Protein backbone atom coordinates (compact mmCIF):
# COMPACT_ATOMS: atom_id res chain seq x y z
CA MET A 1 106.14 87.03 126.84
CA ARG A 2 108.99 87.04 124.32
CA SER A 3 106.70 88.39 121.61
CA VAL A 4 105.60 91.32 123.78
CA VAL A 5 109.23 92.21 124.48
CA LEU A 6 110.07 92.08 120.77
CA VAL A 7 107.11 94.28 119.84
CA VAL A 8 107.91 96.87 122.52
CA LEU A 9 111.59 96.86 121.59
CA GLY A 10 110.66 97.18 117.92
CA VAL A 11 108.44 100.18 118.61
CA LEU A 12 111.23 101.89 120.55
CA VAL A 13 113.80 101.20 117.83
CA ALA A 14 111.42 102.37 115.09
CA LEU A 15 110.65 105.60 116.96
CA ALA A 16 114.35 106.26 117.52
CA GLY A 17 115.06 105.62 113.84
CA GLY A 18 112.27 107.99 112.87
CA LEU A 19 113.70 110.68 115.14
CA PHE A 20 117.18 110.13 113.73
CA ALA A 21 115.81 110.44 110.19
CA LEU A 22 113.95 113.65 111.01
CA GLN A 23 117.11 115.08 112.52
CA GLY A 24 119.15 114.00 109.52
CA PHE A 25 116.70 115.65 107.12
CA GLY A 26 116.84 118.83 109.20
CA PHE A 27 113.22 118.83 110.44
CA VAL A 28 114.35 118.58 114.08
CA GLY A 29 117.09 120.96 115.10
CA GLY A 30 119.28 121.52 118.13
CA SER A 31 121.53 118.52 117.73
CA PRO A 32 124.86 117.75 116.03
CA MET A 33 122.85 115.13 114.09
CA SER A 34 120.68 117.84 112.49
CA GLY A 35 121.12 118.23 108.74
CA THR A 36 123.65 115.39 108.49
CA THR A 37 123.52 112.99 105.56
CA THR A 38 124.68 110.09 107.71
CA TRP A 39 121.56 110.25 109.88
CA SER A 40 119.24 110.82 106.95
CA ILE A 41 120.42 107.42 105.67
CA ALA A 42 120.91 105.57 108.97
CA GLY A 43 117.59 106.74 110.47
CA PRO A 44 115.31 105.00 107.97
CA VAL A 45 117.48 101.86 108.13
CA ILE A 46 117.16 101.79 111.93
CA ALA A 47 113.40 102.42 111.67
CA ALA A 48 113.10 99.53 109.19
CA LEU A 49 114.93 97.25 111.64
CA GLY A 50 112.46 98.29 114.33
CA ILE A 51 109.54 97.49 112.04
CA GLY A 52 111.15 94.12 111.38
CA LEU A 53 111.31 93.45 115.12
CA ILE A 54 107.65 94.39 115.45
CA TYR A 55 106.77 91.98 112.64
CA VAL A 56 108.77 89.12 114.15
CA GLY A 57 107.29 89.72 117.59
CA TRP A 58 103.77 89.96 116.20
CA ARG A 59 104.13 86.77 114.16
CA SER A 60 105.63 84.77 117.03
CA GLY A 61 102.84 85.83 119.35
CA ARG A 62 100.10 84.71 116.98
CA SER A 63 101.25 81.10 116.55
């Protein structure tokens, strides 16, 4: 059960990081985050953390 939670949480975090990155790069408008360097750096870092959670959850569920 723990592995499923980690994978789902990782997917949500990765999607949020991807959205933050797209806003930071200016591809998604309508937000104070749009076109901001901070989010173009933080977004991919957050997405990478989400991918890490997916990996940990996937590995723990396969043992």
